[in-house]
Protein backbone atom coordinates (compact mmCIF):
# COMPACT_ATOMS: atom_id res chain seq x y z
CA MET A 1 9.55 -6.87 -20.45
CA ASP A 2 10.07 -3.19 -19.62
CA SER A 3 13.11 -1.70 -17.92
CA ILE A 4 13.74 1.75 -16.43
CA ILE A 5 16.98 3.54 -17.32
CA VAL A 6 18.18 6.25 -14.95
CA ARG A 7 21.16 8.56 -15.56
CA GLY A 8 22.23 10.04 -12.26
CA GLY A 9 23.44 13.46 -11.25
CA ALA A 10 20.46 15.64 -12.19
CA GLU A 11 19.12 17.99 -9.52
CA LEU A 12 15.35 17.84 -9.01
CA ARG A 13 13.14 20.92 -8.83
CA GLY A 14 9.39 21.31 -9.23
CA GLN A 15 6.11 19.74 -8.21
CA ILE A 16 5.03 16.10 -8.13
CA PRO A 17 1.30 15.30 -7.87
CA ILE A 18 0.58 12.44 -5.44
CA ALA A 19 -2.10 9.94 -6.45
CA GLY A 20 -4.86 8.39 -4.40
CA ALA A 21 -3.73 5.54 -2.17
CA LYS A 22 -3.41 2.14 -3.82
CA ASN A 23 -3.88 0.28 -0.53
CA ALA A 24 -6.94 2.36 0.34
CA CYS A 25 -8.55 1.96 -3.07
CA LEU A 26 -8.03 -1.81 -3.07
CA ALA A 27 -9.96 -2.01 0.22
CA LEU A 28 -12.66 0.44 -0.88
CA MET A 29 -13.49 -1.34 -4.13
CA PRO A 30 -14.75 -4.59 -2.50
CA ALA A 31 -17.17 -2.49 -0.44
CA THR A 32 -19.35 -2.37 -3.55
CA LEU A 33 -20.20 -6.03 -2.84
CA LEU A 34 -22.00 -4.94 0.35
CA SER A 35 -24.75 -3.00 -1.43
CA GLU A 36 -27.12 -3.25 -4.38
CA GLU A 37 -26.64 0.46 -5.01
CA PRO A 38 -23.74 2.19 -6.86
CA LEU A 39 -20.45 3.10 -5.20
CA THR A 40 -18.26 5.70 -6.92
CA LEU A 41 -14.63 6.37 -5.98
CA THR A 42 -12.83 9.57 -7.00
CA ASN A 43 -9.08 10.29 -6.86
CA ALA A 44 -8.40 6.64 -7.73
CA PRO A 45 -4.85 5.67 -8.73
CA ARG A 46 -4.23 4.29 -12.21
CA LEU A 47 -2.40 1.06 -11.49
CA SER A 48 -2.32 -2.54 -12.62
CA ASP A 49 -3.52 -3.72 -9.18
CA ILE A 50 -6.68 -1.63 -9.65
CA CYS A 51 -7.25 -3.41 -12.97
CA THR A 52 -6.82 -6.77 -11.22
CA MET A 53 -9.36 -5.85 -8.53
CA THR A 54 -11.74 -4.66 -11.27
CA GLN A 55 -11.40 -8.02 -13.00
CA LEU A 56 -12.08 -9.85 -9.73
CA LEU A 57 -15.17 -7.80 -8.89
CA GLU A 58 -16.55 -8.26 -12.40
CA SER A 59 -16.12 -12.02 -12.03
CA LEU A 60 -18.39 -11.80 -8.96
CA GLY A 61 -21.11 -9.91 -10.85
CA ALA A 62 -20.15 -6.27 -10.28
CA GLU A 63 -20.38 -3.72 -13.06
CA VAL A 64 -17.24 -1.55 -13.03
CA SER A 65 -16.42 1.39 -15.27
CA SER A 66 -13.67 3.99 -15.14
CA MET A 67 -13.87 7.63 -16.13
CA GLN A 68 -11.55 10.64 -16.32
CA GLY A 69 -8.65 8.48 -17.43
CA GLY A 70 -9.17 6.01 -14.58
CA LYS A 71 -9.29 8.56 -11.75
CA VAL A 72 -13.00 7.85 -11.17
CA ILE A 73 -14.26 4.30 -10.66
CA ALA A 74 -18.02 3.68 -10.77
CA MET A 75 -19.21 0.32 -9.46
CA SER A 76 -22.56 -1.39 -9.00
CA THR A 77 -23.32 -4.87 -7.70
CA HIS A 78 -27.07 -5.11 -8.07
CA ASP A 79 -26.81 -8.90 -8.28
CA LEU A 80 -24.02 -11.16 -7.09
CA GLY A 81 -23.44 -13.51 -9.99
CA SER A 82 -20.90 -15.59 -8.09
CA THR A 83 -19.35 -15.98 -4.64
CA ARG A 84 -16.21 -17.71 -5.89
CA ALA A 85 -12.94 -15.78 -6.27
CA ASP A 86 -10.82 -17.91 -8.59
CA TYR A 87 -7.10 -18.58 -8.25
CA GLU A 88 -6.29 -17.26 -11.73
CA ILE A 89 -7.25 -13.75 -10.62
CA VAL A 90 -6.49 -13.86 -6.89
CA ARG A 91 -2.94 -15.18 -7.40
CA LYS A 92 -1.93 -11.85 -8.97
CA MET A 93 -2.57 -9.75 -5.87
CA ARG A 94 -2.80 -10.33 -2.12
CA ALA A 95 -5.48 -7.68 -1.63
CA SER A 96 -7.89 -9.97 -3.48
CA ASN A 97 -8.63 -11.61 -0.13
CA LEU A 98 -10.61 -8.48 0.82
CA VAL A 99 -13.68 -9.84 -1.00
CA LEU A 100 -14.04 -12.54 1.68
CA GLY A 101 -15.66 -10.38 4.36
CA PRO A 102 -18.10 -8.56 2.04
CA LEU A 103 -19.22 -11.82 0.37
CA LEU A 104 -19.85 -13.46 3.74
CA ALA A 105 -21.77 -10.41 4.95
CA ARG A 106 -24.05 -10.16 1.94
CA ALA A 107 -24.33 -13.69 0.54
CA HIS A 108 -23.46 -15.62 3.72
CA GLU A 109 -20.99 -17.72 1.76
CA ALA A 110 -17.73 -17.38 -0.15
CA VAL A 111 -15.08 -19.51 -1.81
CA VAL A 112 -11.86 -17.51 -2.10
CA SER A 113 -8.47 -18.72 -3.31
CA LEU A 114 -5.46 -18.08 -1.13
CA PRO A 115 -3.84 -14.90 -2.47
CA GLY A 116 -0.60 -14.17 -4.30
CA GLY A 117 1.45 -11.00 -4.81
CA CYS A 118 5.00 -9.86 -4.07
CA ALA A 119 7.41 -12.34 -2.47
CA ILE A 120 8.06 -10.33 0.71
CA GLY A 121 6.74 -12.79 3.25
CA ALA A 122 4.00 -15.24 4.09
CA ARG A 123 1.30 -12.73 5.11
CA PRO A 124 -0.94 -15.64 6.21
CA MET A 125 -4.73 -15.61 6.25
CA ASP A 126 -5.12 -17.09 9.73
CA ILE A 127 -5.82 -13.71 11.37
CA HIS A 128 -8.56 -13.01 8.80
CA ILE A 129 -10.08 -16.44 9.43
CA GLU A 130 -10.06 -16.08 13.22
CA ALA A 131 -11.67 -12.63 12.97
CA LEU A 132 -14.50 -13.79 10.72
CA GLU A 133 -15.05 -16.94 12.77
CA ALA A 134 -15.62 -14.65 15.77
CA LEU A 135 -18.64 -13.32 13.84
CA GLY A 136 -20.05 -16.81 13.34
CA ALA A 137 -18.46 -17.84 10.04
CA GLN A 138 -17.32 -21.41 9.48
CA ILE A 139 -14.18 -21.54 7.32
CA GLU A 140 -12.10 -24.44 6.08
CA LEU A 141 -9.23 -24.72 3.62
CA LYS A 142 -9.70 -27.16 0.75
CA ASP A 143 -7.55 -27.45 -2.38
CA GLY A 144 -6.04 -23.99 -1.94
CA TYR A 145 -9.41 -22.28 -1.41
CA LEU A 146 -11.06 -20.90 1.72
CA HIS A 147 -14.63 -22.25 1.87
CA ALA A 148 -16.63 -19.97 4.16
CA VAL A 149 -20.29 -20.04 5.23
CA ALA A 150 -22.34 -18.04 7.73
CA ARG A 151 -25.62 -19.89 8.10
CA GLY A 152 -28.30 -17.40 8.99
CA GLY A 153 -25.87 -14.52 8.47
CA LEU A 154 -22.99 -13.08 10.48
CA LYS A 155 -23.54 -12.08 14.10
CA GLY A 156 -21.80 -9.31 15.98
CA GLY A 157 -19.10 -10.34 18.42
CA ARG A 158 -15.80 -9.50 20.06
CA VAL A 159 -12.87 -9.72 17.67
CA LYS A 160 -9.42 -9.50 19.27
CA LEU A 161 -6.73 -9.51 16.59
CA ARG A 162 -3.46 -11.24 17.54
CA PHE A 163 -1.64 -8.73 15.35
CA ALA A 164 -2.87 -5.33 14.18
CA SER A 165 -3.25 -6.61 10.61
CA VAL A 166 -4.48 -4.01 8.13
CA GLY A 167 -6.07 -6.58 5.83
CA ALA A 168 -7.78 -8.48 8.63
CA THR A 169 -9.11 -5.24 10.12
CA GLU A 170 -10.51 -4.24 6.71
CA ASN A 171 -12.08 -7.65 6.09
CA VAL A 172 -13.82 -7.87 9.46
CA LEU A 173 -14.80 -4.17 9.40
CA MET A 174 -16.68 -4.65 6.11
CA ALA A 175 -18.20 -7.91 7.30
CA ALA A 176 -19.41 -6.36 10.57
CA THR A 177 -21.40 -3.62 8.83
CA LEU A 178 -24.13 -6.14 7.90
CA ALA A 179 -23.76 -8.48 10.90
CA LYS A 180 -26.60 -8.71 13.40
CA GLY A 181 -25.76 -6.78 16.56
CA THR A 182 -22.60 -5.03 17.74
CA THR A 183 -19.04 -5.95 16.81
CA LEU A 184 -16.02 -4.80 18.81
CA ILE A 185 -12.68 -5.01 16.97
CA GLU A 186 -9.78 -4.87 19.43
CA ASN A 187 -6.12 -4.35 18.50
CA ALA A 188 -7.41 -2.97 15.20
CA ALA A 189 -4.98 -1.51 12.68
CA ARG A 190 -4.86 2.30 12.84
CA GLU A 191 -3.59 3.11 9.35
CA PRO A 192 -5.08 6.01 7.36
CA GLU A 193 -6.42 3.42 4.90
CA ILE A 194 -8.57 1.96 7.70
CA VAL A 195 -9.91 5.42 8.53
CA ASP A 196 -10.65 6.02 4.84
CA LEU A 197 -12.55 2.72 4.54
CA ALA A 198 -14.59 3.50 7.66
CA ARG A 199 -15.52 6.92 6.27
CA CYS A 200 -16.65 5.37 3.01
CA LEU A 201 -18.71 2.69 4.78
CA ARG A 202 -20.28 5.35 6.99
CA ALA A 203 -21.24 7.29 3.85
CA MET A 204 -22.95 4.08 2.71
CA GLY A 205 -24.99 3.96 5.92
CA ALA A 206 -22.77 1.90 8.23
CA GLN A 207 -22.63 2.70 11.94
CA ILE A 208 -18.94 2.79 12.90
CA GLU A 209 -17.05 4.47 15.73
CA GLY A 210 -13.41 4.51 16.74
CA GLU A 211 -11.55 4.18 13.43
CA GLY A 212 -7.98 5.43 13.79
CA SER A 213 -7.80 3.98 17.31
CA SER A 214 -7.05 0.41 18.38
CA THR A 215 -10.72 -0.29 19.16
CA ILE A 216 -13.45 -0.01 16.54
CA GLU A 217 -17.14 -0.52 17.30
CA VAL A 218 -19.60 -1.44 14.56
CA GLN A 219 -23.36 -1.61 14.95
CA GLY A 220 -24.70 -3.83 12.18
CA VAL A 221 -27.42 -2.51 9.88
CA ASP A 222 -29.86 -4.31 7.57
CA ARG A 223 -28.56 -2.78 4.36
CA LEU A 224 -26.09 -0.28 2.95
CA HIS A 225 -26.85 2.24 0.22
CA GLY A 226 -24.77 3.86 -2.50
CA ALA A 227 -22.23 6.66 -2.02
CA THR A 228 -19.47 8.72 -3.63
CA HIS A 229 -16.13 8.77 -1.83
CA GLN A 230 -12.73 10.40 -2.46
CA VAL A 231 -9.74 8.08 -1.98
CA VAL A 232 -7.19 9.35 0.55
CA THR A 233 -3.73 10.49 -0.63
CA ASP A 234 -1.20 7.67 -1.04
CA ARG A 235 1.19 8.10 1.91
CA ILE A 236 3.66 5.59 0.47
CA GLU A 237 3.93 7.32 -2.89
CA LEU A 238 4.15 10.58 -0.95
CA GLY A 239 7.05 9.35 1.19
CA THR A 240 8.81 7.88 -1.84
CA TYR A 241 8.90 11.18 -3.74
CA MET A 242 9.72 13.14 -0.59
CA LEU A 243 12.99 11.18 -0.47
CA ALA A 244 13.98 12.10 -4.03
CA PRO A 245 15.71 15.44 -3.24
CA ALA A 246 17.84 13.65 -0.62
CA PHE A 247 19.39 11.65 -3.47
CA THR A 248 19.86 14.52 -5.91
CA GLY A 249 19.70 17.88 -4.19
CA GLY A 250 17.16 20.49 -5.20
CA GLU A 251 13.66 21.05 -3.85
CA VAL A 252 10.44 19.16 -4.59
CA GLU A 253 6.86 19.95 -3.59
CA CYS A 254 4.62 16.90 -3.24
CA LEU A 255 1.11 18.06 -4.10
CA GLY A 256 -1.62 16.69 -1.85
CA GLY A 257 0.80 15.63 0.88
CA LYS A 258 -0.23 15.89 4.55
CA LEU A 259 1.98 15.53 7.62
CA GLU A 260 -0.70 13.57 9.47
CA LEU A 261 -0.28 10.70 7.01
CA ILE A 262 3.46 10.16 7.61
CA GLY A 263 4.46 11.73 10.94
CA ALA A 264 6.98 9.05 11.99
CA PHE A 265 8.60 9.12 8.55
CA VAL A 266 8.98 12.92 8.64
CA GLU A 267 10.63 12.66 12.08
CA LYS A 268 13.31 10.41 10.57
CA LEU A 269 13.77 12.79 7.63
CA ASP A 270 14.41 15.64 10.06
CA MET A 271 17.00 13.54 11.91
CA ALA A 272 18.64 12.78 8.54
CA GLY A 273 18.94 16.49 7.72
CA ILE A 274 15.99 16.81 5.36
CA ASP A 275 13.63 19.77 5.75
CA VAL A 276 9.89 19.24 5.26
CA THR A 277 7.65 22.31 5.06
CA GLU A 278 3.87 22.40 4.81
CA THR A 279 2.47 24.51 1.97
CA GLU A 280 -1.05 25.28 0.86
CA ALA A 281 -0.73 22.63 -1.85
CA GLY A 282 1.19 19.92 -0.01
CA LEU A 283 4.67 19.29 1.41
CA LYS A 284 7.94 20.87 0.22
CA VAL A 285 11.16 18.89 0.77
CA LYS A 286 14.83 19.96 0.65
CA LEU A 287 18.14 18.47 1.85
CA ARG A 288 19.83 20.81 4.35
CA GLY A 289 23.44 19.94 3.53
CA ASP A 290 25.38 18.11 0.85
CA ARG A 291 24.54 14.62 2.14
CA PRO A 292 21.93 13.14 4.47
CA ARG A 293 22.93 11.90 7.93
CA ALA A 294 22.68 8.32 9.14
CA VAL A 295 19.59 7.38 11.18
CA ASP A 296 18.27 4.16 12.69
CA VAL A 297 14.88 2.87 11.50
CA ILE A 298 12.49 0.28 12.92
CA THR A 299 9.39 -0.55 10.89
CA GLU A 300 6.17 -0.73 12.88
CA PRO A 301 2.41 -0.59 12.32
CA PHE A 302 0.95 2.90 11.96
CA PRO A 303 1.66 5.41 13.44
CA GLY A 304 5.20 3.98 13.35
CA PHE A 305 7.61 3.97 10.42
CA PRO A 306 5.93 2.24 7.44
CA THR A 307 7.40 -1.03 6.19
CA ASP A 308 6.46 0.11 2.68
CA LEU A 309 9.03 2.94 2.93
CA GLN A 310 11.86 0.83 4.33
CA ALA A 311 13.44 -0.05 0.97
CA GLN A 312 13.39 3.57 -0.20
CA MET A 313 14.86 4.74 3.11
CA MET A 314 17.63 2.15 2.90
CA ALA A 315 18.53 3.36 -0.58
CA MET A 316 18.81 6.93 0.69
CA LEU A 317 20.95 5.89 3.66
CA CYS A 318 23.45 4.24 1.29
CA THR A 319 24.98 7.71 0.69
CA ALA A 320 24.39 9.12 4.17
CA GLN A 321 27.18 10.22 6.50
CA GLY A 322 27.72 7.49 9.08
CA THR A 323 26.24 4.07 9.78
CA SER A 324 22.52 3.36 9.93
CA ARG A 325 20.70 0.34 11.34
CA LEU A 326 17.36 -0.86 10.03
CA GLU A 327 15.10 -3.41 11.67
CA GLU A 328 12.21 -4.94 9.71
CA LYS A 329 9.48 -6.07 12.12
CA ILE A 330 6.52 -6.42 9.75
CA PHE A 331 7.52 -8.76 6.91
CA GLU A 332 10.27 -11.33 6.53
CA ASN A 333 12.20 -11.39 3.25
CA ARG A 334 11.97 -7.61 2.89
CA PHE A 335 15.66 -6.87 2.43
CA MET A 336 15.85 -8.45 -1.03
CA HIS A 337 16.76 -5.06 -2.51
CA ALA A 338 19.96 -4.97 -0.45
CA PRO A 339 22.07 -7.19 -2.78
CA GLU A 340 21.00 -5.05 -5.74
CA LEU A 341 22.06 -1.86 -3.94
CA VAL A 342 25.39 -3.54 -3.16
CA ARG A 343 25.83 -4.02 -6.92
CA MET A 344 25.72 -0.23 -7.11
CA GLY A 345 28.51 0.16 -4.56
CA ALA A 346 26.47 0.31 -1.35
CA ARG A 347 27.89 -1.14 1.89
CA ILE A 348 25.10 -3.19 3.45
CA GLU A 349 25.17 -6.17 5.82
CA VAL A 350 21.98 -8.13 6.43
CA HIS A 351 21.41 -10.53 9.34
CA GLY A 352 17.85 -11.82 9.49
CA GLY A 353 15.52 -8.90 10.13
CA HIS A 354 18.38 -6.44 10.70
CA ALA A 355 20.46 -4.51 8.21
CA THR A 356 23.48 -2.25 8.74
CA VAL A 357 24.15 0.43 6.12
CA THR A 358 27.44 2.32 6.05
CA GLY A 359 27.19 5.36 3.82
CA VAL A 360 29.49 5.80 0.83
CA ASP A 361 30.40 8.99 -1.04
CA LYS A 362 28.86 7.83 -4.32
CA LEU A 363 26.84 5.00 -5.79
CA LYS A 364 27.68 3.76 -9.28
CA GLY A 365 25.23 2.87 -12.02
CA ALA A 366 24.68 -0.84 -12.70
CA GLN A 367 22.28 -3.42 -14.06
CA VAL A 368 19.91 -4.31 -11.21
CA MET A 369 16.78 -6.40 -10.84
CA ALA A 370 13.58 -5.46 -9.01
CA THR A 371 12.31 -8.17 -6.66
CA ASP A 372 9.11 -6.52 -5.44
CA LEU A 373 7.09 -3.32 -5.67
CA ARG A 374 8.93 -1.14 -3.14
CA ALA A 375 12.33 -2.56 -4.10
CA SER A 376 11.65 -1.42 -7.67
CA VAL A 377 11.28 2.22 -6.77
CA SER A 378 14.16 2.12 -4.26
CA LEU A 379 16.52 1.11 -7.09
CA ILE A 380 15.20 3.92 -9.29
CA LEU A 381 15.83 6.42 -6.48
CA ALA A 382 19.34 5.03 -5.99
CA GLY A 383 19.92 5.50 -9.72
CA LEU A 384 19.17 9.21 -9.34
CA ALA A 385 22.21 9.54 -7.06
CA ALA A 386 24.52 7.15 -8.92
CA GLU A 387 27.33 8.00 -11.30
CA GLY A 388 26.56 6.81 -14.80
CA GLU A 389 23.62 4.72 -15.95
CA THR A 390 21.42 2.42 -13.88
CA VAL A 391 19.15 -0.09 -15.60
CA VAL A 392 16.34 -1.44 -13.41
CA ASN A 393 14.96 -4.67 -14.86
CA ARG A 394 11.68 -6.50 -14.14
CA VAL A 395 9.77 -3.30 -13.36
CA TYR A 396 6.37 -4.93 -13.85
CA HIS A 397 6.21 -4.85 -10.05
CA LEU A 398 6.48 -1.06 -10.22
CA ASP A 399 3.26 -0.61 -12.18
CA ARG A 400 1.32 -2.31 -9.39
CA GLY A 401 1.90 0.62 -7.05
CA TYR A 402 3.23 3.71 -8.85
CA GLU A 403 1.59 5.45 -11.78
CA HIS A 404 3.90 6.90 -14.45
CA VAL A 405 7.06 7.09 -12.31
CA GLU A 406 9.21 8.11 -15.26
CA ASP A 407 6.83 10.96 -16.13
CA LYS A 408 6.59 12.29 -12.57
CA LEU A 409 10.33 12.21 -11.94
CA GLY A 410 11.13 13.40 -15.47
CA ALA A 411 8.90 16.45 -14.97
CA VAL A 412 11.10 17.65 -12.08
CA GLY A 413 14.40 17.12 -13.90
CA ALA A 414 15.33 13.45 -13.59
CA ARG A 415 16.98 11.81 -16.57
CA ILE A 416 14.84 8.72 -16.72
CA GLU A 417 13.13 6.65 -19.40
CA ARG A 418 11.25 3.41 -19.83
CA VAL A 419 12.33 0.99 -22.53
CA SER A 420 10.71 -2.21 -23.77
CA ALA A 421 12.73 -5.33 -24.50
């Protein structure tokens, strides 16, 4: 099992290219199930989760090939060979549940295992089920599988989500493209990944209005055709690397970055004393003083502060001047990185969904263990600021969401390497 070794104290300077969004690509790939014609995605990230989704789609009859080192994914589902998404594949990744809507829309039936993934909370499927039932699907849980049918096909309807779930919005949005009549999705998620999916579906012939707002209207069509679509920039990878100079000093330009993707995050960076400047190529980031300042953070659905940047932000606040308070409102169990940061000398108190971080002058290198994807990278960032050597174990989580972290950080001056046990 691989580990990442980080030797702190090196100032970072240079450019870091930001990949296409993992969460967007994982929603875009199942869209191939909606059409008999090819769908090609460019600017795709090269991650293990993409390989898992490829494996799942191929098990359903899709033909999937990658080009340009994995940055282009060409897919075609001329014939659906199966409508069953097996546990052995789905258990590896929660986004596997995004085949449910497309299968129901095209084949009018699906059998999909309950998903797996990182241990950061329940993330239940009930919102997905309620949304698809509003379009006429009948769904029951048997032996760990969702058995879904839509006799005569899905029908447009009013879908009011109890929570602005990204996954549920994506599932019902794809399903509605082939439903008979008009579908109104209320309290829809507003994330850039939703907007990206809608743009791709529209390129395939879907009739969609309102993406990026809390109400999306979809007029069902008889069929969708092929398309080529560029995956949006990964705002979570972007935010992660934007934090790096706050740990080390120096100046980093994140290529492909856009303020519109992470406005609430940039506001917090400014309050913490971190300058963000737009350039022709992306976003340039620099710490104004010697140490960041404490800020309070509450995670919220987009356009609020992203839950997927909470762990990285906490790591940065461990060396900030003052006391910060973080509230996690999206997922339970998402402070599991806190005890590992404490091993490095951080002062953190956790009470339920609240954490208090009192900044210290220096972190110290230690052996730490990654518990989930975002925790993994937060510990690597903390290692950049720590005295001595930090060894981050169990980094298989990391490869699900970040491509070649050691290469990207190493290219701007970090002393970092991957070792195999």
